[in-house]
Amino acid sequence: MRKLPVLLFCLLSTSAGLFANDFAEVDNTISGGISNAAFPGAQLIVGNEDGIVYEKCYGNFTYDESSAPVTKDCMFDLASVTKVVATTTAIMQL
């Protein structure tokens, strides 16, 4: 299993009409984070009740030039991120 030092989560609601299926601003934000060395790579997937609306991979796993690129088949170790995401989601639903 490959690990990404910083994992970026983008939670978007396409049913609310956010971005109107134009993800250029999200692409620019993630690409900017990579350019500014905030993280070496990311994977974004947006979906709704009908399925996947948008999927894109960015950058590499590390800052090393020979590092493998992030692909849609990559697996990530979420570690402690689960606590934050699960708790925040549960509180928002309450």
N, C-alpha and C. Protein backbone atom coordinates (compact mmCIF):
# COMPACT_ATOMS: atom_id res chain seq x y z
N MET A 1 0.83 -1.17 0.00
CA MET A 1 0.00 0.00 0.00
C MET A 1 0.89 1.25 0.00
N ARG A 2 0.63 2.18 -0.90
CA ARG A 2 1.38 3.43 -0.96
C ARG A 2 0.77 4.43 0.01
N LYS A 3 1.61 5.32 0.50
CA LYS A 3 1.14 6.34 1.43
C LYS A 3 1.44 7.72 0.88
N LEU A 4 0.53 8.64 1.07
CA LEU A 4 0.71 10.02 0.68
C LEU A 4 0.86 10.84 1.94
N PRO A 5 1.95 11.62 2.08
CA PRO A 5 2.18 12.37 3.31
C PRO A 5 1.02 13.28 3.71
N VAL A 6 0.43 13.94 2.77
CA VAL A 6 -0.70 14.81 3.07
C VAL A 6 -1.82 14.42 2.12
N LEU A 7 -2.96 14.11 2.67
CA LEU A 7 -4.10 13.72 1.85
C LEU A 7 -5.11 14.84 1.86
N LEU A 8 -5.53 15.28 0.72
CA LEU A 8 -6.46 16.39 0.62
C LEU A 8 -7.85 15.85 0.35
N PHE A 9 -8.78 16.25 1.20
CA PHE A 9 -10.17 15.86 1.01
C PHE A 9 -10.96 17.06 0.55
N CYS A 10 -11.69 16.91 -0.51
CA CYS A 10 -12.59 17.96 -0.97
C CYS A 10 -13.99 17.37 -0.95
N LEU A 11 -14.81 17.88 -0.05
CA LEU A 11 -16.18 17.40 0.04
C LEU A 11 -17.07 18.42 -0.64
N LEU A 12 -17.64 18.03 -1.75
CA LEU A 12 -18.44 18.94 -2.55
C LEU A 12 -19.84 18.38 -2.73
N SER A 13 -20.80 19.25 -2.80
CA SER A 13 -22.17 18.82 -3.02
C SER A 13 -22.59 19.22 -4.43
N THR A 14 -22.57 18.29 -5.34
CA THR A 14 -22.96 18.61 -6.71
C THR A 14 -24.47 18.76 -6.83
N SER A 15 -25.21 18.12 -5.92
CA SER A 15 -26.66 18.24 -5.99
C SER A 15 -27.11 19.65 -5.61
N ALA A 16 -26.27 20.38 -4.86
CA ALA A 16 -26.60 21.75 -4.48
C ALA A 16 -26.20 22.73 -5.57
N GLY A 17 -25.61 22.23 -6.65
CA GLY A 17 -25.25 23.08 -7.77
C GLY A 17 -23.91 23.78 -7.59
N LEU A 18 -23.14 23.40 -6.60
CA LEU A 18 -21.84 24.02 -6.42
C LEU A 18 -20.96 23.70 -7.61
N PHE A 19 -20.31 24.72 -8.13
CA PHE A 19 -19.38 24.61 -9.25
C PHE A 19 -20.08 24.23 -10.56
N ALA A 20 -21.34 23.89 -10.54
CA ALA A 20 -22.10 23.57 -11.74
C ALA A 20 -21.32 22.62 -12.66
N ASN A 21 -20.70 21.61 -12.08
CA ASN A 21 -19.91 20.61 -12.79
C ASN A 21 -18.69 21.19 -13.50
N ASP A 22 -18.29 22.39 -13.14
CA ASP A 22 -17.05 22.98 -13.64
C ASP A 22 -16.06 22.96 -12.48
N PHE A 23 -15.08 22.10 -12.58
CA PHE A 23 -14.15 21.90 -11.48
C PHE A 23 -12.81 22.59 -11.72
N ALA A 24 -12.79 23.58 -12.60
CA ALA A 24 -11.55 24.30 -12.91
C ALA A 24 -10.98 24.97 -11.67
N GLU A 25 -11.84 25.56 -10.84
CA GLU A 25 -11.36 26.24 -9.63
C GLU A 25 -10.76 25.23 -8.64
N VAL A 26 -11.37 24.06 -8.53
CA VAL A 26 -10.83 23.02 -7.66
C VAL A 26 -9.49 22.53 -8.21
N ASP A 27 -9.43 22.30 -9.51
CA ASP A 27 -8.16 21.89 -10.14
C ASP A 27 -7.06 22.91 -9.87
N ASN A 28 -7.39 24.20 -10.01
CA ASN A 28 -6.40 25.25 -9.77
C ASN A 28 -5.95 25.28 -8.31
N THR A 29 -6.87 25.07 -7.38
CA THR A 29 -6.53 25.07 -5.96
C THR A 29 -5.59 23.92 -5.63
N ILE A 30 -5.91 22.74 -6.11
CA ILE A 30 -5.06 21.58 -5.85
C ILE A 30 -3.71 21.72 -6.53
N SER A 31 -3.70 22.16 -7.78
CA SER A 31 -2.43 22.37 -8.49
C SER A 31 -1.59 23.43 -7.80
N GLY A 32 -2.23 24.47 -7.27
CA GLY A 32 -1.52 25.50 -6.52
C GLY A 32 -0.89 24.95 -5.26
N GLY A 33 -1.59 24.07 -4.58
CA GLY A 33 -1.05 23.43 -3.38
C GLY A 33 0.19 22.61 -3.70
N ILE A 34 0.15 21.92 -4.82
CA ILE A 34 1.32 21.14 -5.25
C ILE A 34 2.47 22.08 -5.62
N SER A 35 2.17 23.14 -6.36
CA SER A 35 3.20 24.10 -6.76
C SER A 35 3.85 24.78 -5.56
N ASN A 36 3.06 25.03 -4.51
CA ASN A 36 3.56 25.69 -3.30
C ASN A 36 4.14 24.70 -2.28
N ALA A 37 4.27 23.45 -2.67
CA ALA A 37 4.84 22.39 -1.83
C ALA A 37 4.06 22.17 -0.54
N ALA A 38 2.74 22.39 -0.59
CA ALA A 38 1.90 22.08 0.56
C ALA A 38 1.69 20.56 0.66
N PHE A 39 1.69 19.90 -0.48
CA PHE A 39 1.58 18.44 -0.56
C PHE A 39 2.08 18.04 -1.94
N PRO A 40 2.60 16.81 -2.07
CA PRO A 40 3.17 16.39 -3.36
C PRO A 40 2.15 15.92 -4.39
N GLY A 41 0.98 15.49 -3.95
CA GLY A 41 -0.02 14.98 -4.87
C GLY A 41 -1.36 14.83 -4.19
N ALA A 42 -2.37 14.56 -4.98
CA ALA A 42 -3.73 14.42 -4.43
C ALA A 42 -4.59 13.63 -5.40
N GLN A 43 -5.69 13.17 -4.88
CA GLN A 43 -6.68 12.47 -5.69
C GLN A 43 -8.04 13.03 -5.32
N LEU A 44 -8.83 13.40 -6.31
CA LEU A 44 -10.15 13.98 -6.09
C LEU A 44 -11.20 13.13 -6.77
N ILE A 45 -12.26 12.85 -6.05
CA ILE A 45 -13.40 12.16 -6.65
C ILE A 45 -14.66 12.80 -6.10
N VAL A 46 -15.55 13.18 -6.99
CA VAL A 46 -16.80 13.82 -6.62
C VAL A 46 -17.93 12.99 -7.19
N GLY A 47 -18.92 12.74 -6.35
CA GLY A 47 -20.04 11.95 -6.81
C GLY A 47 -21.35 12.41 -6.21
N ASN A 48 -22.40 11.87 -6.73
CA ASN A 48 -23.73 12.10 -6.18
C ASN A 48 -24.51 10.80 -6.26
N GLU A 49 -25.80 10.88 -6.09
CA GLU A 49 -26.60 9.65 -6.07
C GLU A 49 -26.57 8.91 -7.42
N ASP A 50 -26.17 9.59 -8.48
CA ASP A 50 -26.11 8.96 -9.80
C ASP A 50 -24.76 8.33 -10.11
N GLY A 51 -23.76 8.56 -9.26
CA GLY A 51 -22.44 7.99 -9.48
C GLY A 51 -21.35 9.04 -9.47
N ILE A 52 -20.23 8.71 -10.09
CA ILE A 52 -19.07 9.60 -10.13
C ILE A 52 -19.32 10.71 -11.14
N VAL A 53 -19.14 11.95 -10.68
CA VAL A 53 -19.33 13.13 -11.52
C VAL A 53 -17.99 13.62 -12.06
N TYR A 54 -16.94 13.53 -11.23
CA TYR A 54 -15.62 14.04 -11.61
C TYR A 54 -14.56 13.27 -10.86
N GLU A 55 -13.50 12.91 -11.56
CA GLU A 55 -12.38 12.19 -10.94
C GLU A 55 -11.08 12.66 -11.58
N LYS A 56 -10.11 13.01 -10.75
CA LYS A 56 -8.83 13.46 -11.28
C LYS A 56 -7.73 13.20 -10.27
N CYS A 57 -6.54 12.89 -10.78
CA CYS A 57 -5.36 12.67 -9.95
C CYS A 57 -4.33 13.73 -10.27
N TYR A 58 -3.57 14.12 -9.26
CA TYR A 58 -2.60 15.21 -9.39
C TYR A 58 -1.28 14.81 -8.76
N GLY A 59 -0.17 15.19 -9.36
CA GLY A 59 1.14 15.09 -8.75
C GLY A 59 1.65 13.69 -8.49
N ASN A 60 2.59 13.61 -7.54
CA ASN A 60 3.26 12.36 -7.19
C ASN A 60 3.11 12.06 -5.70
N PHE A 61 3.63 10.90 -5.28
CA PHE A 61 3.52 10.51 -3.88
C PHE A 61 4.50 11.23 -2.97
N THR A 62 5.63 11.60 -3.50
CA THR A 62 6.61 12.35 -2.71
C THR A 62 7.17 13.46 -3.59
N TYR A 63 8.03 14.28 -3.00
CA TYR A 63 8.65 15.37 -3.75
C TYR A 63 9.83 14.91 -4.60
N ASP A 64 10.25 13.67 -4.46
CA ASP A 64 11.35 13.12 -5.24
C ASP A 64 10.93 13.04 -6.71
N GLU A 65 11.81 13.47 -7.60
CA GLU A 65 11.50 13.48 -9.03
C GLU A 65 11.18 12.09 -9.59
N SER A 66 11.73 11.05 -8.98
CA SER A 66 11.48 9.69 -9.47
C SER A 66 10.28 9.05 -8.78
N SER A 67 9.55 9.80 -7.98
CA SER A 67 8.38 9.29 -7.26
C SER A 67 7.27 8.90 -8.23
N ALA A 68 6.54 7.88 -7.85
CA ALA A 68 5.42 7.41 -8.68
C ALA A 68 4.30 8.44 -8.69
N PRO A 69 3.64 8.59 -9.84
CA PRO A 69 2.51 9.52 -9.90
C PRO A 69 1.29 8.95 -9.19
N VAL A 70 0.43 9.83 -8.72
CA VAL A 70 -0.84 9.42 -8.13
C VAL A 70 -1.76 9.01 -9.28
N THR A 71 -2.35 7.82 -9.17
CA THR A 71 -3.28 7.34 -10.19
C THR A 71 -4.60 6.95 -9.52
N LYS A 72 -5.62 6.71 -10.31
CA LYS A 72 -6.93 6.38 -9.74
C LYS A 72 -6.94 5.01 -9.06
N ASP A 73 -5.95 4.19 -9.30
CA ASP A 73 -5.89 2.87 -8.68
C ASP A 73 -5.08 2.84 -7.39
N CYS A 74 -4.55 3.99 -6.97
CA CYS A 74 -3.72 4.05 -5.77
C CYS A 74 -4.57 3.89 -4.51
N MET A 75 -3.97 3.29 -3.50
CA MET A 75 -4.63 3.14 -2.20
C MET A 75 -3.88 4.00 -1.20
N PHE A 76 -4.62 4.57 -0.26
CA PHE A 76 -4.05 5.47 0.73
C PHE A 76 -4.30 4.95 2.14
N ASP A 77 -3.36 5.21 3.02
CA ASP A 77 -3.52 4.92 4.44
C ASP A 77 -4.11 6.17 5.08
N LEU A 78 -5.36 6.11 5.49
CA LEU A 78 -6.02 7.29 6.04
C LEU A 78 -5.68 7.54 7.50
N ALA A 79 -5.22 6.52 8.21
CA ALA A 79 -4.77 6.64 9.60
C ALA A 79 -5.75 7.47 10.43
N SER A 80 -5.26 8.50 11.08
CA SER A 80 -6.07 9.28 12.02
C SER A 80 -7.06 10.22 11.34
N VAL A 81 -7.01 10.35 10.04
CA VAL A 81 -7.95 11.21 9.34
C VAL A 81 -9.38 10.72 9.53
N THR A 82 -9.55 9.42 9.68
CA THR A 82 -10.88 8.84 9.85
C THR A 82 -11.61 9.45 11.04
N LYS A 83 -10.91 9.66 12.14
CA LYS A 83 -11.55 10.24 13.33
C LYS A 83 -12.13 11.62 13.03
N VAL A 84 -11.36 12.44 12.36
CA VAL A 84 -11.80 13.80 12.06
C VAL A 84 -12.96 13.79 11.08
N VAL A 85 -12.83 13.04 10.00
CA VAL A 85 -13.87 13.02 8.97
C VAL A 85 -15.16 12.41 9.51
N ALA A 86 -15.06 11.30 10.21
CA ALA A 86 -16.27 10.64 10.74
C ALA A 86 -16.96 11.50 11.78
N THR A 87 -16.20 12.10 12.68
CA THR A 87 -16.78 12.94 13.72
C THR A 87 -17.43 14.19 13.13
N THR A 88 -16.74 14.86 12.23
CA THR A 88 -17.28 16.07 11.61
C THR A 88 -18.56 15.75 10.83
N THR A 89 -18.56 14.67 10.06
CA THR A 89 -19.74 14.29 9.30
C THR A 89 -20.90 13.97 10.22
N ALA A 90 -20.65 13.22 11.30
CA ALA A 90 -21.71 12.87 12.24
C ALA A 90 -22.30 14.11 12.90
N ILE A 91 -21.46 15.04 13.29
CA ILE A 91 -21.95 16.28 13.94
C ILE A 91 -22.75 17.11 12.94
N MET A 92 -22.29 17.19 11.70
CA MET A 92 -23.03 17.96 10.70
C MET A 92 -24.39 17.34 10.43
N GLN A 93 -24.47 16.02 10.45
CA GLN A 93 -25.77 15.37 10.20
C GLN A 93 -26.72 15.56 11.37
N LEU A 94 -26.19 15.66 12.58
CA LEU A 94 -27.04 15.89 13.75
C LEU A 94 -27.63 17.29 13.70
